[in-house]
């Protein structure tokens, strides 16, 4: 039930973006998705704070890897880069950090 709700919230976010709705509306939909994610943690018997902390650690680790890859590819920074390149770097960083402790 909660997973279906999360999928529905993702669909609503996509619709809001596709319909070029105001940022406040997109933000509201993302907030709904975050609330659903919190509910999913609770109903799965997971501690929300621990889950968020581990997620932040993983994100920070990947961002450090992306900064390293940016230098490796001789990019001055990430501003103005294409979405395709950003996703490519994210996937590379994910692979690099897969088994690395924080």
N, C-alpha and C. Protein backbone atom coordinates (compact mmCIF):
# COMPACT_ATOMS: atom_id res chain seq x y z
N UNK A 1 0.82 -1.20 0.00
CA UNK A 1 0.00 0.00 0.00
C UNK A 1 0.86 1.27 0.00
N UNK A 2 1.87 1.30 0.89
CA UNK A 2 2.69 2.51 0.97
C UNK A 2 3.57 2.64 -0.28
N UNK A 3 4.06 1.53 -0.80
CA UNK A 3 4.86 1.60 -2.03
C UNK A 3 4.03 2.15 -3.18
N UNK A 4 2.78 1.73 -3.26
CA UNK A 4 1.90 2.26 -4.31
C UNK A 4 1.70 3.76 -4.14
N UNK A 5 1.60 4.19 -2.88
CA UNK A 5 1.44 5.62 -2.60
C UNK A 5 2.69 6.38 -3.05
N UNK A 6 3.88 5.81 -2.80
CA UNK A 6 5.13 6.45 -3.23
C UNK A 6 5.18 6.57 -4.75
N UNK A 7 4.76 5.52 -5.43
CA UNK A 7 4.73 5.55 -6.90
C UNK A 7 3.76 6.63 -7.38
N UNK A 8 2.61 6.72 -6.73
CA UNK A 8 1.62 7.74 -7.08
C UNK A 8 2.18 9.14 -6.85
N UNK A 9 2.90 9.33 -5.74
CA UNK A 9 3.49 10.65 -5.46
C UNK A 9 4.53 11.00 -6.52
N UNK A 10 5.32 10.02 -6.96
CA UNK A 10 6.30 10.27 -8.03
C UNK A 10 5.59 10.69 -9.32
N UNK A 11 4.48 10.05 -9.61
CA UNK A 11 3.70 10.41 -10.80
C UNK A 11 3.19 11.85 -10.69
N UNK A 12 2.74 12.24 -9.49
CA UNK A 12 2.25 13.60 -9.29
C UNK A 12 3.38 14.62 -9.43
N UNK A 13 4.57 14.28 -8.98
CA UNK A 13 5.73 15.18 -9.15
C UNK A 13 6.01 15.35 -10.64
N UNK A 14 6.05 14.24 -11.36
CA UNK A 14 6.31 14.29 -12.81
C UNK A 14 5.26 15.14 -13.52
N UNK A 15 4.00 14.96 -13.16
CA UNK A 15 2.93 15.74 -13.78
C UNK A 15 3.11 17.23 -13.50
N UNK A 16 3.45 17.57 -12.26
CA UNK A 16 3.64 18.98 -11.90
C UNK A 16 4.80 19.58 -12.69
N UNK A 17 5.87 18.82 -12.87
CA UNK A 17 7.01 19.31 -13.65
C UNK A 17 6.65 19.40 -15.12
N UNK A 18 6.03 18.34 -15.66
CA UNK A 18 5.64 18.33 -17.07
C UNK A 18 4.66 19.45 -17.41
N UNK A 19 3.79 19.79 -16.45
CA UNK A 19 2.80 20.86 -16.66
C UNK A 19 3.37 22.24 -16.35
N UNK A 20 4.67 22.30 -16.05
CA UNK A 20 5.35 23.56 -15.73
C UNK A 20 4.63 24.33 -14.63
N UNK A 21 4.21 23.59 -13.61
CA UNK A 21 3.54 24.23 -12.48
C UNK A 21 4.57 25.02 -11.67
N UNK A 22 4.11 25.97 -10.86
CA UNK A 22 5.04 26.79 -10.07
C UNK A 22 5.90 25.93 -9.14
N UNK A 23 7.10 26.41 -8.83
CA UNK A 23 8.00 25.65 -7.96
C UNK A 23 7.35 25.25 -6.63
N UNK A 24 6.48 26.10 -6.12
CA UNK A 24 5.82 25.80 -4.85
C UNK A 24 4.98 24.53 -4.96
N UNK A 25 4.36 24.34 -6.10
CA UNK A 25 3.52 23.15 -6.32
C UNK A 25 4.40 21.90 -6.42
N UNK A 26 5.51 22.00 -7.14
CA UNK A 26 6.44 20.87 -7.24
C UNK A 26 6.99 20.55 -5.85
N UNK A 27 7.33 21.59 -5.10
CA UNK A 27 7.85 21.41 -3.75
C UNK A 27 6.82 20.70 -2.86
N UNK A 28 5.57 21.07 -3.01
CA UNK A 28 4.50 20.42 -2.23
C UNK A 28 4.43 18.93 -2.55
N UNK A 29 4.52 18.59 -3.83
CA UNK A 29 4.47 17.19 -4.23
C UNK A 29 5.69 16.42 -3.73
N UNK A 30 6.86 17.05 -3.77
CA UNK A 30 8.06 16.40 -3.25
C UNK A 30 7.92 16.19 -1.74
N UNK A 31 7.34 17.17 -1.06
CA UNK A 31 7.07 17.02 0.37
C UNK A 31 6.17 15.83 0.66
N UNK A 32 5.16 15.64 -0.19
CA UNK A 32 4.28 14.48 -0.03
C UNK A 32 5.07 13.18 -0.19
N UNK A 33 6.00 13.15 -1.15
CA UNK A 33 6.83 11.97 -1.34
C UNK A 33 7.72 11.72 -0.12
N UNK A 34 8.29 12.79 0.43
CA UNK A 34 9.13 12.65 1.62
C UNK A 34 8.31 12.09 2.79
N UNK A 35 7.10 12.60 2.95
CA UNK A 35 6.22 12.10 4.01
C UNK A 35 5.94 10.61 3.81
N UNK A 36 5.71 10.22 2.58
CA UNK A 36 5.47 8.81 2.27
C UNK A 36 6.70 7.97 2.58
N UNK A 37 7.89 8.50 2.28
CA UNK A 37 9.13 7.77 2.58
C UNK A 37 9.30 7.59 4.09
N UNK A 38 8.95 8.60 4.84
CA UNK A 38 9.01 8.50 6.31
C UNK A 38 8.04 7.42 6.79
N UNK A 39 6.84 7.43 6.24
CA UNK A 39 5.85 6.40 6.61
C UNK A 39 6.36 5.01 6.26
N UNK A 40 7.02 4.89 5.14
CA UNK A 40 7.56 3.59 4.71
C UNK A 40 8.61 3.10 5.71
N UNK A 41 9.45 4.01 6.19
CA UNK A 41 10.45 3.64 7.21
C UNK A 41 9.75 3.13 8.47
N UNK A 42 8.78 3.90 8.93
CA UNK A 42 8.08 3.54 10.17
C UNK A 42 7.39 2.19 10.04
N UNK A 43 6.65 2.00 8.95
CA UNK A 43 5.93 0.74 8.77
C UNK A 43 6.86 -0.43 8.50
N UNK A 44 8.10 -0.15 8.11
CA UNK A 44 9.09 -1.21 7.90
C UNK A 44 9.88 -1.50 9.17
N UNK A 45 9.58 -0.75 10.23
CA UNK A 45 10.26 -0.95 11.50
C UNK A 45 11.64 -0.34 11.55
N UNK A 46 11.90 0.63 10.68
CA UNK A 46 13.20 1.29 10.63
C UNK A 46 13.15 2.64 11.34
N UNK A 47 14.27 3.00 11.93
CA UNK A 47 14.37 4.30 12.58
C UNK A 47 14.58 5.37 11.50
N UNK A 48 13.70 6.34 11.48
CA UNK A 48 13.73 7.37 10.43
C UNK A 48 15.03 8.16 10.50
N UNK A 49 15.45 8.56 11.69
CA UNK A 49 16.66 9.38 11.83
C UNK A 49 17.90 8.61 11.37
N UNK A 50 18.01 7.35 11.73
CA UNK A 50 19.14 6.53 11.30
C UNK A 50 19.14 6.37 9.78
N UNK A 51 17.97 6.13 9.22
CA UNK A 51 17.85 5.97 7.78
C UNK A 51 18.29 7.24 7.07
N UNK A 52 17.84 8.38 7.55
CA UNK A 52 18.21 9.66 6.94
C UNK A 52 19.71 9.92 7.10
N UNK A 53 20.25 9.61 8.26
CA UNK A 53 21.68 9.81 8.50
C UNK A 53 22.52 8.96 7.54
N UNK A 54 22.14 7.70 7.36
CA UNK A 54 22.87 6.83 6.43
C UNK A 54 22.74 7.32 5.00
N UNK A 55 21.58 7.82 4.65
CA UNK A 55 21.35 8.37 3.31
C UNK A 55 22.23 9.58 3.08
N UNK A 56 22.32 10.46 4.08
CA UNK A 56 23.17 11.65 3.96
C UNK A 56 24.64 11.27 3.80
N UNK A 57 25.08 10.27 4.56
CA UNK A 57 26.47 9.81 4.45
C UNK A 57 26.75 9.30 3.04
N UNK A 58 25.83 8.51 2.52
CA UNK A 58 26.01 7.95 1.17
C UNK A 58 26.03 9.07 0.13
N UNK A 59 25.15 10.06 0.28
CA UNK A 59 25.10 11.18 -0.65
C UNK A 59 26.41 11.97 -0.61
N UNK A 60 26.90 12.26 0.60
CA UNK A 60 28.16 13.01 0.74
C UNK A 60 29.32 12.25 0.11
N UNK A 61 29.35 10.94 0.29
CA UNK A 61 30.40 10.10 -0.29
C UNK A 61 30.35 10.19 -1.82
N UNK A 62 29.16 10.11 -2.37
CA UNK A 62 29.02 10.20 -3.83
C UNK A 62 29.39 11.59 -4.34
N UNK A 63 29.04 12.62 -3.60
CA UNK A 63 29.39 13.97 -4.04
C UNK A 63 30.90 14.17 -4.03
N UNK A 64 31.60 13.59 -3.05
CA UNK A 64 33.07 13.66 -3.05
C UNK A 64 33.62 12.95 -4.29
N UNK A 65 33.03 11.82 -4.64
CA UNK A 65 33.47 11.09 -5.84
C UNK A 65 33.18 11.90 -7.10
N UNK A 66 32.04 12.57 -7.14
CA UNK A 66 31.71 13.40 -8.30
C UNK A 66 32.70 14.55 -8.44
N UNK A 67 33.09 15.16 -7.33
CA UNK A 67 34.09 16.23 -7.39
C UNK A 67 35.41 15.70 -7.93
N UNK A 68 35.79 14.49 -7.51
CA UNK A 68 37.01 13.86 -8.02
C UNK A 68 36.88 13.61 -9.53
N UNK A 69 35.73 13.10 -9.95
CA UNK A 69 35.51 12.83 -11.37
C UNK A 69 35.49 14.11 -12.19
N UNK A 70 34.98 15.18 -11.60
CA UNK A 70 34.96 16.47 -12.28
C UNK A 70 36.38 16.90 -12.61
N UNK A 71 37.28 16.76 -11.64
CA UNK A 71 38.69 17.09 -11.87
C UNK A 71 39.31 16.15 -12.90
N UNK A 72 38.99 14.85 -12.79
CA UNK A 72 39.52 13.85 -13.71
C UNK A 72 39.14 14.17 -15.16
N UNK A 73 37.91 14.66 -15.36
CA UNK A 73 37.42 15.00 -16.70
C UNK A 73 37.74 16.45 -17.09
N UNK A 74 38.57 17.11 -16.29
CA UNK A 74 38.99 18.50 -16.54
C UNK A 74 37.81 19.46 -16.68
N UNK A 75 36.81 19.27 -15.85
CA UNK A 75 35.67 20.19 -15.82
C UNK A 75 35.92 21.22 -14.73
N UNK A 76 35.67 22.51 -14.99
CA UNK A 76 35.91 23.52 -13.97
C UNK A 76 34.99 23.35 -12.76
N UNK A 77 33.74 22.98 -13.01
CA UNK A 77 32.75 22.72 -11.96
C UNK A 77 31.54 22.05 -12.61
N UNK A 78 30.49 21.89 -11.84
CA UNK A 78 29.31 21.22 -12.37
C UNK A 78 28.25 22.18 -12.91
N UNK A 79 28.43 23.46 -12.62
CA UNK A 79 27.45 24.44 -13.09
C UNK A 79 27.41 24.48 -14.61
N UNK A 80 26.21 24.48 -15.14
CA UNK A 80 26.04 24.58 -16.58
C UNK A 80 26.25 23.29 -17.34
N UNK A 81 26.55 22.21 -16.64
CA UNK A 81 26.75 20.93 -17.31
C UNK A 81 25.40 20.32 -17.69
N UNK A 82 25.40 19.50 -18.70
CA UNK A 82 24.15 18.88 -19.16
C UNK A 82 23.64 17.85 -18.15
N UNK A 83 22.35 17.63 -18.20
CA UNK A 83 21.75 16.61 -17.34
C UNK A 83 22.36 15.25 -17.65
N UNK A 84 22.61 14.99 -18.93
CA UNK A 84 23.19 13.71 -19.33
C UNK A 84 24.55 13.50 -18.68
N UNK A 85 25.39 14.54 -18.70
CA UNK A 85 26.71 14.43 -18.09
C UNK A 85 26.58 14.25 -16.58
N UNK A 86 25.69 14.99 -15.96
CA UNK A 86 25.50 14.89 -14.51
C UNK A 86 25.07 13.46 -14.14
N UNK A 87 24.16 12.88 -14.91
CA UNK A 87 23.72 11.51 -14.63
C UNK A 87 24.85 10.51 -14.85
N UNK A 88 25.67 10.75 -15.88
CA UNK A 88 26.82 9.88 -16.14
C UNK A 88 27.79 9.93 -14.97
N UNK A 89 28.09 11.13 -14.49
CA UNK A 89 28.99 11.28 -13.35
C UNK A 89 28.40 10.62 -12.10
N UNK A 90 27.08 10.79 -11.91
CA UNK A 90 26.42 10.19 -10.75
C UNK A 90 26.56 8.66 -10.79
N UNK A 91 26.36 8.07 -11.96
CA UNK A 91 26.47 6.62 -12.10
C UNK A 91 27.91 6.16 -11.86
N UNK A 92 28.87 6.92 -12.36
CA UNK A 92 30.28 6.59 -12.12
C UNK A 92 30.59 6.66 -10.63
N UNK A 93 30.12 7.72 -9.99
CA UNK A 93 30.35 7.90 -8.56
C UNK A 93 29.69 6.78 -7.76
N UNK A 94 28.52 6.37 -8.18
CA UNK A 94 27.81 5.28 -7.51
C UNK A 94 28.64 4.00 -7.57
N UNK A 95 29.20 3.71 -8.73
CA UNK A 95 30.03 2.52 -8.91
C UNK A 95 31.28 2.60 -8.05
N UNK A 96 31.93 3.77 -8.05
CA UNK A 96 33.17 3.96 -7.29
C UNK A 96 32.92 3.77 -5.80
N UNK A 97 31.80 4.29 -5.31
CA UNK A 97 31.55 4.31 -3.86
C UNK A 97 30.75 3.12 -3.36
N UNK A 98 30.42 2.21 -4.24
CA UNK A 98 29.53 1.09 -3.88
C UNK A 98 29.98 0.36 -2.61
N UNK A 99 31.25 0.06 -2.50
CA UNK A 99 31.74 -0.73 -1.35
C UNK A 99 32.72 0.04 -0.48
N UNK A 100 32.67 1.36 -0.55
CA UNK A 100 33.58 2.19 0.23
C UNK A 100 32.88 2.64 1.51
N UNK A 101 33.54 2.47 2.64
CA UNK A 101 32.99 2.94 3.91
C UNK A 101 33.12 4.46 3.98
N UNK A 102 32.21 5.13 4.73
CA UNK A 102 32.26 6.61 4.80
C UNK A 102 33.55 7.15 5.36
